[in-house]
All heavy atoms as atom14 arrays in JSON, in Angstrom:
{
  "sequence": "VDMAGELEGRVIAGEIEVDDEVGDDEIEFAADIHVGDGAEDSYCPGWF",
  "atom14_mask": [
    [1, 1, 1, 1, 1, 1, 1, 0, 0, 0, 0, 0, 0, 0],
    [1, 1, 1, 1, 1, 1, 1, 1, 0, 0, 0, 0, 0, 0],
    [1, 1, 1, 1, 1, 1, 1, 1, 0, 0, 0, 0, 0, 0],
    [1, 1, 1, 1, 1, 0, 0, 0, 0, 0, 0, 0, 0, 0],
    [1, 1, 1, 1, 0, 0, 0, 0, 0, 0, 0, 0, 0, 0],
    [1, 1, 1, 1, 1, 1, 1, 1, 1, 0, 0, 0, 0, 0],
    [1, 1, 1, 1, 1, 1, 1, 1, 0, 0, 0, 0, 0, 0],
    [1, 1, 1, 1, 1, 1, 1, 1, 1, 0, 0, 0, 0, 0],
    [1, 1, 1, 1, 0, 0, 0, 0, 0, 0, 0, 0, 0, 0],
    [1, 1, 1, 1, 1, 1, 1, 1, 1, 1, 1, 0, 0, 0],
    [1, 1, 1, 1, 1, 1, 1, 0, 0, 0, 0, 0, 0, 0],
    [1, 1, 1, 1, 1, 1, 1, 1, 0, 0, 0, 0, 0, 0],
    [1, 1, 1, 1, 1, 0, 0, 0, 0, 0, 0, 0, 0, 0],
    [1, 1, 1, 1, 0, 0, 0, 0, 0, 0, 0, 0, 0, 0],
    [1, 1, 1, 1, 1, 1, 1, 1, 1, 0, 0, 0, 0, 0],
    [1, 1, 1, 1, 1, 1, 1, 1, 0, 0, 0, 0, 0, 0],
    [1, 1, 1, 1, 1, 1, 1, 1, 1, 0, 0, 0, 0, 0],
    [1, 1, 1, 1, 1, 1, 1, 0, 0, 0, 0, 0, 0, 0],
    [1, 1, 1, 1, 1, 1, 1, 1, 0, 0, 0, 0, 0, 0],
    [1, 1, 1, 1, 1, 1, 1, 1, 0, 0, 0, 0, 0, 0],
    [1, 1, 1, 1, 1, 1, 1, 1, 1, 0, 0, 0, 0, 0],
    [1, 1, 1, 1, 1, 1, 1, 0, 0, 0, 0, 0, 0, 0],
    [1, 1, 1, 1, 0, 0, 0, 0, 0, 0, 0, 0, 0, 0],
    [1, 1, 1, 1, 1, 1, 1, 1, 0, 0, 0, 0, 0, 0],
    [1, 1, 1, 1, 1, 1, 1, 1, 0, 0, 0, 0, 0, 0],
    [1, 1, 1, 1, 1, 1, 1, 1, 1, 0, 0, 0, 0, 0],
    [1, 1, 1, 1, 1, 1, 1, 1, 0, 0, 0, 0, 0, 0],
    [1, 1, 1, 1, 1, 1, 1, 1, 1, 0, 0, 0, 0, 0],
    [1, 1, 1, 1, 1, 1, 1, 1, 1, 1, 1, 0, 0, 0],
    [1, 1, 1, 1, 1, 0, 0, 0, 0, 0, 0, 0, 0, 0],
    [1, 1, 1, 1, 1, 0, 0, 0, 0, 0, 0, 0, 0, 0],
    [1, 1, 1, 1, 1, 1, 1, 1, 0, 0, 0, 0, 0, 0],
    [1, 1, 1, 1, 1, 1, 1, 1, 0, 0, 0, 0, 0, 0],
    [1, 1, 1, 1, 1, 1, 1, 1, 1, 1, 0, 0, 0, 0],
    [1, 1, 1, 1, 1, 1, 1, 0, 0, 0, 0, 0, 0, 0],
    [1, 1, 1, 1, 0, 0, 0, 0, 0, 0, 0, 0, 0, 0],
    [1, 1, 1, 1, 1, 1, 1, 1, 0, 0, 0, 0, 0, 0],
    [1, 1, 1, 1, 0, 0, 0, 0, 0, 0, 0, 0, 0, 0],
    [1, 1, 1, 1, 1, 0, 0, 0, 0, 0, 0, 0, 0, 0],
    [1, 1, 1, 1, 1, 1, 1, 1, 1, 0, 0, 0, 0, 0],
    [1, 1, 1, 1, 1, 1, 1, 1, 0, 0, 0, 0, 0, 0],
    [1, 1, 1, 1, 1, 1, 0, 0, 0, 0, 0, 0, 0, 0],
    [1, 1, 1, 1, 1, 1, 1, 1, 1, 1, 1, 1, 0, 0],
    [1, 1, 1, 1, 1, 1, 0, 0, 0, 0, 0, 0, 0, 0],
    [1, 1, 1, 1, 1, 1, 1, 0, 0, 0, 0, 0, 0, 0],
    [1, 1, 1, 1, 0, 0, 0, 0, 0, 0, 0, 0, 0, 0],
    [1, 1, 1, 1, 1, 1, 1, 1, 1, 1, 1, 1, 1, 1],
    [1, 1, 1, 1, 1, 1, 1, 1, 1, 1, 1, 0, 0, 0]
  ],
  "atom14_positions": [
    [[0.86, -1.19, 0.0], [0.0, 0.0, 0.0], [0.89, 1.23, 0.0], [2.06, 1.18, 0.37], [-0.94, 0.02, 1.23], [-1.89, -1.17, 1.2], [-0.14, 0.04, 2.52], [0.0, 0.0, 0.0], [0.0, 0.0, 0.0], [0.0, 0.0, 0.0], [0.0, 0.0, 0.0], [0.0, 0.0, 0.0], [0.0, 0.0, 0.0], [0.0, 0.0, 0.0]],
    [[0.3, 2.35, -0.4], [1.08, 3.58, -0.51], [1.16, 4.36, 0.79], [2.2, 4.9, 1.14], [0.48, 4.48, -1.6], [1.33, 5.71, -1.84], [2.53, 5.54, -2.16], [0.81, 6.83, -1.7], [0.0, 0.0, 0.0], [0.0, 0.0, 0.0], [0.0, 0.0, 0.0], [0.0, 0.0, 0.0], [0.0, 0.0, 0.0], [0.0, 0.0, 0.0]],
    [[0.04, 4.4, 1.54], [-0.03, 5.23, 2.74], [-0.22, 4.37, 3.99], [-0.82, 3.29, 3.93], [-1.18, 6.23, 2.64], [-1.09, 7.14, 1.42], [0.38, 8.19, 1.41], [0.05, 9.26, 2.83], [0.0, 0.0, 0.0], [0.0, 0.0, 0.0], [0.0, 0.0, 0.0], [0.0, 0.0, 0.0], [0.0, 0.0, 0.0], [0.0, 0.0, 0.0]],
    [[0.24, 4.9, 5.13], [0.15, 4.16, 6.39], [-1.28, 3.83, 6.75], [-1.57, 2.75, 7.28], [0.81, 4.95, 7.51], [0.0, 0.0, 0.0], [0.0, 0.0, 0.0], [0.0, 0.0, 0.0], [0.0, 0.0, 0.0], [0.0, 0.0, 0.0], [0.0, 0.0, 0.0], [0.0, 0.0, 0.0], [0.0, 0.0, 0.0], [0.0, 0.0, 0.0]],
    [[-2.21, 4.73, 6.47], [-3.61, 4.48, 6.81], [-4.18, 3.28, 6.1], [-5.12, 2.65, 6.59], [0.0, 0.0, 0.0], [0.0, 0.0, 0.0], [0.0, 0.0, 0.0], [0.0, 0.0, 0.0], [0.0, 0.0, 0.0], [0.0, 0.0, 0.0], [0.0, 0.0, 0.0], [0.0, 0.0, 0.0], [0.0, 0.0, 0.0], [0.0, 0.0, 0.0]],
    [[-3.63, 2.93, 4.93], [-4.12, 1.78, 4.18], [-3.66, 0.46, 4.79], [-4.24, -0.59, 4.51], [-3.66, 1.88, 2.73], [-4.19, 3.09, 2.0], [-3.57, 3.23, 0.63], [-2.51, 3.87, 0.5], [-4.16, 2.7, -0.34], [0.0, 0.0, 0.0], [0.0, 0.0, 0.0], [0.0, 0.0, 0.0], [0.0, 0.0, 0.0], [0.0, 0.0, 0.0]],
    [[-2.62, 0.5, 5.59], [-2.19, -0.71, 6.3], [-3.2, -1.09, 7.37], [-3.31, -2.26, 7.75], [-0.83, -0.48, 6.98], [0.41, -0.36, 6.08], [1.57, 0.19, 6.9], [0.77, -1.72, 5.5], [0.0, 0.0, 0.0], [0.0, 0.0, 0.0], [0.0, 0.0, 0.0], [0.0, 0.0, 0.0], [0.0, 0.0, 0.0], [0.0, 0.0, 0.0]],
    [[-3.94, -0.1, 7.82], [-4.73, -0.26, 9.03], [-6.03, -1.04, 8.84], [-6.58, -1.56, 9.81], [-5.05, 1.13, 9.57], [-5.47, 1.17, 10.99], [-5.29, 2.55, 11.57], [-5.97, 3.48, 11.12], [-4.45, 2.7, 12.46], [0.0, 0.0, 0.0], [0.0, 0.0, 0.0], [0.0, 0.0, 0.0], [0.0, 0.0, 0.0], [0.0, 0.0, 0.0]],
    [[-6.55, -1.12, 7.63], [-7.83, -1.79, 7.46], [-8.96, -0.91, 7.97], [-8.89, 0.31, 7.95], [0.0, 0.0, 0.0], [0.0, 0.0, 0.0], [0.0, 0.0, 0.0], [0.0, 0.0, 0.0], [0.0, 0.0, 0.0], [0.0, 0.0, 0.0], [0.0, 0.0, 0.0], [0.0, 0.0, 0.0], [0.0, 0.0, 0.0], [0.0, 0.0, 0.0]],
    [[-10.02, -1.53, 8.48], [-11.2, -0.78, 8.9], [-11.1, -0.36, 10.36], [-10.69, -1.14, 11.21], [-12.46, -1.61, 8.68], [-12.8, -1.84, 7.21], [-14.16, -2.48, 7.05], [-14.21, -3.79, 7.72], [-15.18, -4.16, 8.54], [-16.16, -3.33, 8.84], [-15.17, -5.37, 9.08], [0.0, 0.0, 0.0], [0.0, 0.0, 0.0], [0.0, 0.0, 0.0]],
    [[-11.47, 0.88, 10.6], [-11.54, 1.42, 11.96], [-12.93, 1.99, 12.14], [-13.39, 2.8, 11.34], [-10.48, 2.52, 12.19], [-10.6, 3.08, 13.6], [-9.09, 1.97, 11.95], [0.0, 0.0, 0.0], [0.0, 0.0, 0.0], [0.0, 0.0, 0.0], [0.0, 0.0, 0.0], [0.0, 0.0, 0.0], [0.0, 0.0, 0.0], [0.0, 0.0, 0.0]],
    [[-13.63, 1.55, 13.18], [-15.0, 2.0, 13.43], [-15.09, 2.7, 14.78], [-14.27, 2.46, 15.67], [-16.01, 0.84, 13.37], [-15.7, -0.18, 14.47], [-16.0, 0.18, 12.0], [-16.74, -1.29, 14.58], [0.0, 0.0, 0.0], [0.0, 0.0, 0.0], [0.0, 0.0, 0.0], [0.0, 0.0, 0.0], [0.0, 0.0, 0.0], [0.0, 0.0, 0.0]],
    [[-16.05, 3.59, 14.9], [-16.3, 4.25, 16.18], [-17.09, 3.32, 17.08], [-18.05, 2.68, 16.64], [-17.06, 5.55, 15.97], [0.0, 0.0, 0.0], [0.0, 0.0, 0.0], [0.0, 0.0, 0.0], [0.0, 0.0, 0.0], [0.0, 0.0, 0.0], [0.0, 0.0, 0.0], [0.0, 0.0, 0.0], [0.0, 0.0, 0.0], [0.0, 0.0, 0.0]],
    [[-16.67, 3.19, 18.31], [-17.37, 2.29, 19.22], [-17.2, 2.71, 20.66], [-16.74, 3.83, 20.95], [0.0, 0.0, 0.0], [0.0, 0.0, 0.0], [0.0, 0.0, 0.0], [0.0, 0.0, 0.0], [0.0, 0.0, 0.0], [0.0, 0.0, 0.0], [0.0, 0.0, 0.0], [0.0, 0.0, 0.0], [0.0, 0.0, 0.0], [0.0, 0.0, 0.0]],
    [[-17.58, 1.84, 21.56], [-17.46, 2.09, 22.99], [-16.78, 0.91, 23.66], [-16.92, -0.24, 23.21], [-18.83, 2.32, 23.63], [-19.52, 3.6, 23.17], [-20.83, 3.82, 23.89], [-21.3, 2.88, 24.57], [-21.38, 4.94, 23.79], [0.0, 0.0, 0.0], [0.0, 0.0, 0.0], [0.0, 0.0, 0.0], [0.0, 0.0, 0.0], [0.0, 0.0, 0.0]],
    [[-16.04, 1.2, 24.71], [-15.34, 0.16, 25.46], [-15.8, 0.25, 26.92], [-15.95, 1.33, 27.48], [-13.82, 0.34, 25.38], [-13.33, 0.11, 23.94], [-13.1, -0.61, 26.32], [-11.85, 0.31, 23.76], [0.0, 0.0, 0.0], [0.0, 0.0, 0.0], [0.0, 0.0, 0.0], [0.0, 0.0, 0.0], [0.0, 0.0, 0.0], [0.0, 0.0, 0.0]],
    [[-16.07, -0.92, 27.5], [-16.44, -0.99, 28.9], [-15.29, -1.58, 29.71], [-14.71, -2.6, 29.32], [-17.69, -1.86, 29.1], [-18.96, -1.3, 28.48], [-20.16, -2.17, 28.76], [-19.97, -3.27, 29.33], [-21.28, -1.77, 28.41], [0.0, 0.0, 0.0], [0.0, 0.0, 0.0], [0.0, 0.0, 0.0], [0.0, 0.0, 0.0], [0.0, 0.0, 0.0]],
    [[-14.95, -0.93, 30.8], [-13.88, -1.42, 31.67], [-14.33, -1.31, 33.12], [-15.16, -0.47, 33.47], [-12.57, -0.63, 31.47], [-12.02, -0.84, 30.08], [-12.78, 0.84, 31.76], [0.0, 0.0, 0.0], [0.0, 0.0, 0.0], [0.0, 0.0, 0.0], [0.0, 0.0, 0.0], [0.0, 0.0, 0.0], [0.0, 0.0, 0.0], [0.0, 0.0, 0.0]],
    [[-13.78, -2.16, 33.97], [-14.07, -2.09, 35.4], [-13.48, -0.81, 35.98], [-12.42, -0.34, 35.55], [-13.47, -3.29, 36.13], [-14.16, -4.59, 35.72], [-15.33, -4.52, 35.33], [-13.5, -5.65, 35.78], [0.0, 0.0, 0.0], [0.0, 0.0, 0.0], [0.0, 0.0, 0.0], [0.0, 0.0, 0.0], [0.0, 0.0, 0.0], [0.0, 0.0, 0.0]],
    [[-14.18, -0.24, 36.96], [-13.69, 0.99, 37.57], [-12.58, 0.75, 38.58], [-12.02, 1.69, 39.15], [-14.83, 1.77, 38.22], [-15.47, 1.01, 39.36], [-14.98, -0.09, 39.71], [-16.46, 1.51, 39.91], [0.0, 0.0, 0.0], [0.0, 0.0, 0.0], [0.0, 0.0, 0.0], [0.0, 0.0, 0.0], [0.0, 0.0, 0.0], [0.0, 0.0, 0.0]],
    [[-12.24, -0.52, 38.83], [-11.14, -0.92, 39.73], [-11.4, -0.53, 41.18], [-10.52, -0.62, 42.01], [-9.8, -0.33, 39.26], [-9.38, -0.81, 37.88], [-8.03, -0.26, 37.48], [-7.45, 0.5, 38.28], [-7.55, -0.59, 36.38], [0.0, 0.0, 0.0], [0.0, 0.0, 0.0], [0.0, 0.0, 0.0], [0.0, 0.0, 0.0], [0.0, 0.0, 0.0]],
    [[-12.61, -0.06, 41.47], [-12.95, 0.28, 42.86], [-14.13, -0.57, 43.32], [-14.04, -1.31, 44.29], [-13.29, 1.78, 43.0], [-13.7, 2.08, 44.45], [-12.08, 2.63, 42.6], [0.0, 0.0, 0.0], [0.0, 0.0, 0.0], [0.0, 0.0, 0.0], [0.0, 0.0, 0.0], [0.0, 0.0, 0.0], [0.0, 0.0, 0.0], [0.0, 0.0, 0.0]],
    [[-15.22, -0.49, 42.59], [-16.4, -1.28, 42.92], [-16.69, -2.26, 41.79], [-15.79, -2.71, 41.09], [0.0, 0.0, 0.0], [0.0, 0.0, 0.0], [0.0, 0.0, 0.0], [0.0, 0.0, 0.0], [0.0, 0.0, 0.0], [0.0, 0.0, 0.0], [0.0, 0.0, 0.0], [0.0, 0.0, 0.0], [0.0, 0.0, 0.0], [0.0, 0.0, 0.0]],
    [[-17.96, -2.56, 41.65], [-18.38, -3.48, 40.59], [-18.9, -2.75, 39.36], [-19.4, -3.38, 38.43], [-19.47, -4.42, 41.12], [-18.94, -5.32, 42.24], [-17.74, -5.65, 42.17], [-19.72, -5.65, 43.14], [0.0, 0.0, 0.0], [0.0, 0.0, 0.0], [0.0, 0.0, 0.0], [0.0, 0.0, 0.0], [0.0, 0.0, 0.0], [0.0, 0.0, 0.0]],
    [[-18.81, -1.44, 39.35], [-19.33, -0.67, 38.23], [-18.38, -0.73, 37.04], [-17.18, -0.99, 37.18], [-19.53, 0.79, 38.64], [-20.58, 0.93, 39.73], [-21.49, 0.08, 39.78], [-20.48, 1.88, 40.53], [0.0, 0.0, 0.0], [0.0, 0.0, 0.0], [0.0, 0.0, 0.0], [0.0, 0.0, 0.0], [0.0, 0.0, 0.0], [0.0, 0.0, 0.0]],
    [[-18.93, -0.48, 35.87], [-18.14, -0.42, 34.66], [-18.21, 0.98, 34.06], [-19.22, 1.67, 34.2], [-18.63, -1.44, 33.63], [-18.37, -2.89, 34.05], [-18.75, -3.87, 32.97], [-19.59, -3.5, 32.12], [-18.2, -4.98, 32.95], [0.0, 0.0, 0.0], [0.0, 0.0, 0.0], [0.0, 0.0, 0.0], [0.0, 0.0, 0.0], [0.0, 0.0, 0.0]],
    [[-17.13, 1.37, 33.45], [-17.03, 2.68, 32.82], [-17.08, 2.5, 31.31], [-16.4, 1.64, 30.75], [-15.72, 3.39, 33.21], [-15.62, 3.53, 34.74], [-15.61, 4.75, 32.54], [-14.29, 4.03, 35.21], [0.0, 0.0, 0.0], [0.0, 0.0, 0.0], [0.0, 0.0, 0.0], [0.0, 0.0, 0.0], [0.0, 0.0, 0.0], [0.0, 0.0, 0.0]],
    [[-17.89, 3.3, 30.64], [-17.96, 3.27, 29.19], [-17.34, 4.55, 28.62], [-17.55, 5.62, 29.16], [-19.43, 3.18, 28.72], [-20.11, 1.86, 29.05], [-21.49, 1.78, 28.42], [-21.85, 2.74, 27.7], [-22.18, 0.8, 28.65], [0.0, 0.0, 0.0], [0.0, 0.0, 0.0], [0.0, 0.0, 0.0], [0.0, 0.0, 0.0], [0.0, 0.0, 0.0]],
    [[-16.54, 4.39, 27.56], [-16.04, 5.58, 26.86], [-15.88, 5.26, 25.38], [-15.7, 4.11, 24.98], [-14.73, 6.08, 27.48], [-13.58, 5.12, 27.41], [-12.69, 5.14, 26.34], [-13.36, 4.19, 28.42], [-11.63, 4.26, 26.28], [-12.3, 3.31, 28.37], [-11.42, 3.35, 27.3], [0.0, 0.0, 0.0], [0.0, 0.0, 0.0], [0.0, 0.0, 0.0]],
    [[-15.96, 6.32, 24.57], [-15.87, 6.16, 23.13], [-14.42, 5.88, 22.73], [-13.47, 6.37, 23.34], [-16.37, 7.43, 22.44], [0.0, 0.0, 0.0], [0.0, 0.0, 0.0], [0.0, 0.0, 0.0], [0.0, 0.0, 0.0], [0.0, 0.0, 0.0], [0.0, 0.0, 0.0], [0.0, 0.0, 0.0], [0.0, 0.0, 0.0], [0.0, 0.0, 0.0]],
    [[-14.27, 5.07, 21.69], [-12.94, 4.73, 21.21], [-13.02, 4.26, 19.76], [-14.04, 3.7, 19.34], [-12.32, 3.63, 22.08], [0.0, 0.0, 0.0], [0.0, 0.0, 0.0], [0.0, 0.0, 0.0], [0.0, 0.0, 0.0], [0.0, 0.0, 0.0], [0.0, 0.0, 0.0], [0.0, 0.0, 0.0], [0.0, 0.0, 0.0], [0.0, 0.0, 0.0]],
    [[-11.95, 4.52, 19.0], [-11.83, 3.94, 17.67], [-11.4, 2.49, 17.82], [-10.42, 2.19, 18.53], [-10.81, 4.71, 16.83], [-11.3, 6.08, 16.43], [-12.54, 6.27, 16.41], [-10.47, 6.95, 16.15], [0.0, 0.0, 0.0], [0.0, 0.0, 0.0], [0.0, 0.0, 0.0], [0.0, 0.0, 0.0], [0.0, 0.0, 0.0], [0.0, 0.0, 0.0]],
    [[-12.12, 1.6, 17.17], [-11.84, 0.17, 17.3], [-11.34, -0.37, 15.96], [-11.99, -0.16, 14.92], [-13.1, -0.59, 17.74], [-13.59, -0.07, 19.09], [-12.81, -2.09, 17.83], [-14.9, -0.67, 19.54], [0.0, 0.0, 0.0], [0.0, 0.0, 0.0], [0.0, 0.0, 0.0], [0.0, 0.0, 0.0], [0.0, 0.0, 0.0], [0.0, 0.0, 0.0]],
    [[-10.21, -1.02, 15.98], [-9.64, -1.61, 14.77], [-10.26, -3.0, 14.58], [-10.12, -3.87, 15.43], [-8.12, -1.73, 14.9], [-7.42, -0.41, 14.98], [-6.33, -0.09, 14.22], [-7.7, 0.7, 15.7], [-5.93, 1.14, 14.49], [-6.75, 1.64, 15.4], [0.0, 0.0, 0.0], [0.0, 0.0, 0.0], [0.0, 0.0, 0.0], [0.0, 0.0, 0.0]],
    [[-10.92, -3.18, 13.43], [-11.66, -4.43, 13.22], [-11.05, -5.3, 12.13], [-11.67, -6.25, 11.66], [-13.14, -4.13, 12.89], [-13.83, -3.5, 14.07], [-13.27, -3.23, 11.66], [0.0, 0.0, 0.0], [0.0, 0.0, 0.0], [0.0, 0.0, 0.0], [0.0, 0.0, 0.0], [0.0, 0.0, 0.0], [0.0, 0.0, 0.0], [0.0, 0.0, 0.0]],
    [[-9.82, -5.01, 11.73], [-9.14, -5.9, 10.81], [-9.29, -5.53, 9.35], [-9.54, -4.38, 9.0], [0.0, 0.0, 0.0], [0.0, 0.0, 0.0], [0.0, 0.0, 0.0], [0.0, 0.0, 0.0], [0.0, 0.0, 0.0], [0.0, 0.0, 0.0], [0.0, 0.0, 0.0], [0.0, 0.0, 0.0], [0.0, 0.0, 0.0], [0.0, 0.0, 0.0]],
    [[-9.13, -6.53, 8.49], [-9.15, -6.37, 7.04], [-7.95, -5.56, 6.54], [-7.97, -5.04, 5.42], [-10.44, -5.71, 6.54], [-11.67, -6.56, 6.86], [-11.51, -7.8, 6.94], [-12.75, -6.0, 7.01], [0.0, 0.0, 0.0], [0.0, 0.0, 0.0], [0.0, 0.0, 0.0], [0.0, 0.0, 0.0], [0.0, 0.0, 0.0], [0.0, 0.0, 0.0]],
    [[-6.94, -5.43, 7.35], [-5.74, -4.71, 6.95], [-4.51, -5.56, 7.22], [-4.56, -6.79, 7.15], [0.0, 0.0, 0.0], [0.0, 0.0, 0.0], [0.0, 0.0, 0.0], [0.0, 0.0, 0.0], [0.0, 0.0, 0.0], [0.0, 0.0, 0.0], [0.0, 0.0, 0.0], [0.0, 0.0, 0.0], [0.0, 0.0, 0.0], [0.0, 0.0, 0.0]],
    [[-3.41, -4.9, 7.53], [-2.15, -5.61, 7.75], [-1.9, -5.92, 9.22], [-0.82, -6.4, 9.57], [-0.99, -4.79, 7.2], [0.0, 0.0, 0.0], [0.0, 0.0, 0.0], [0.0, 0.0, 0.0], [0.0, 0.0, 0.0], [0.0, 0.0, 0.0], [0.0, 0.0, 0.0], [0.0, 0.0, 0.0], [0.0, 0.0, 0.0], [0.0, 0.0, 0.0]],
    [[-2.88, -5.63, 10.09], [-2.69, -5.93, 11.51], [-2.3, -7.39, 11.7], [-2.88, -8.29, 11.1], [-3.95, -5.63, 12.32], [-4.24, -4.16, 12.51], [-5.2, -3.62, 11.46], [-5.32, -4.27, 10.4], [-5.81, -2.57, 11.69], [0.0, 0.0, 0.0], [0.0, 0.0, 0.0], [0.0, 0.0, 0.0], [0.0, 0.0, 0.0], [0.0, 0.0, 0.0]],
    [[-1.29, -7.61, 12.53], [-0.81, -8.96, 12.85], [-0.11, -9.62, 11.67], [0.08, -10.84, 11.65], [-1.94, -9.85, 13.36], [-1.42, -10.97, 14.26], [-0.48, -10.72, 15.03], [-1.95, -12.09, 14.18], [0.0, 0.0, 0.0], [0.0, 0.0, 0.0], [0.0, 0.0, 0.0], [0.0, 0.0, 0.0], [0.0, 0.0, 0.0], [0.0, 0.0, 0.0]],
    [[0.29, -8.82, 10.67], [1.01, -9.37, 9.51], [2.44, -8.85, 9.52], [2.71, -7.71, 9.9], [0.34, -8.93, 8.2], [-0.96, -9.45, 8.11], [0.0, 0.0, 0.0], [0.0, 0.0, 0.0], [0.0, 0.0, 0.0], [0.0, 0.0, 0.0], [0.0, 0.0, 0.0], [0.0, 0.0, 0.0], [0.0, 0.0, 0.0], [0.0, 0.0, 0.0]],
    [[3.36, -9.71, 9.07], [4.75, -9.3, 8.93], [4.97, -8.65, 7.57], [4.58, -9.21, 6.55], [5.69, -10.5, 9.08], [5.85, -10.98, 10.5], [5.19, -12.11, 10.96], [6.67, -10.29, 11.39], [5.34, -12.55, 12.26], [6.83, -10.72, 12.71], [6.16, -11.85, 13.13], [6.31, -12.28, 14.42], [0.0, 0.0, 0.0], [0.0, 0.0, 0.0]],
    [[5.57, -7.48, 7.57], [5.89, -6.77, 6.34], [7.41, -6.6, 6.23], [8.06, -6.25, 7.22], [5.23, -5.39, 6.31], [3.42, -5.42, 6.23], [0.0, 0.0, 0.0], [0.0, 0.0, 0.0], [0.0, 0.0, 0.0], [0.0, 0.0, 0.0], [0.0, 0.0, 0.0], [0.0, 0.0, 0.0], [0.0, 0.0, 0.0], [0.0, 0.0, 0.0]],
    [[7.97, -6.83, 5.06], [9.4, -6.55, 4.87], [9.63, -5.05, 4.77], [8.75, -4.3, 4.33], [9.72, -7.26, 3.55], [8.42, -7.26, 2.8], [7.34, -7.38, 3.84], [0.0, 0.0, 0.0], [0.0, 0.0, 0.0], [0.0, 0.0, 0.0], [0.0, 0.0, 0.0], [0.0, 0.0, 0.0], [0.0, 0.0, 0.0], [0.0, 0.0, 0.0]],
    [[10.79, -4.62, 5.18], [11.11, -3.21, 5.11], [12.52, -2.95, 5.57], [13.39, -3.83, 5.52], [0.0, 0.0, 0.0], [0.0, 0.0, 0.0], [0.0, 0.0, 0.0], [0.0, 0.0, 0.0], [0.0, 0.0, 0.0], [0.0, 0.0, 0.0], [0.0, 0.0, 0.0], [0.0, 0.0, 0.0], [0.0, 0.0, 0.0], [0.0, 0.0, 0.0]],
    [[12.74, -1.73, 6.06], [14.08, -1.32, 6.48], [14.02, -0.58, 7.81], [13.16, 0.26, 8.04], [14.69, -0.4, 5.42], [15.02, -1.12, 4.15], [14.15, -1.51, 3.17], [16.3, -1.58, 3.75], [14.81, -2.19, 2.19], [16.14, -2.24, 2.51], [17.59, -1.49, 4.31], [17.22, -2.8, 1.82], [18.66, -2.05, 3.62], [18.46, -2.69, 2.39]],
    [[14.96, -0.92, 8.7], [15.18, -0.15, 9.92], [16.06, 1.03, 9.56], [17.1, 0.87, 8.91], [15.86, -1.01, 10.98], [15.0, -2.09, 11.56], [15.07, -3.39, 11.07], [14.11, -1.82, 12.59], [14.28, -4.4, 11.59], [13.31, -2.82, 13.13], [13.39, -4.11, 12.63], [0.0, 0.0, 0.0], [0.0, 0.0, 0.0], [0.0, 0.0, 0.0]]
  ]
}
């Protein structure tokens, strides 16, 4: 691919729930979620 964003595949807007680490409540917040269809978890040749 030509640009870095094309390596990324699809990114969707979503929400993530996490424990508040104090009680039993969960915290929700918006986040971009990477859902694949790109080069994630793939080895690419290149140069350091």
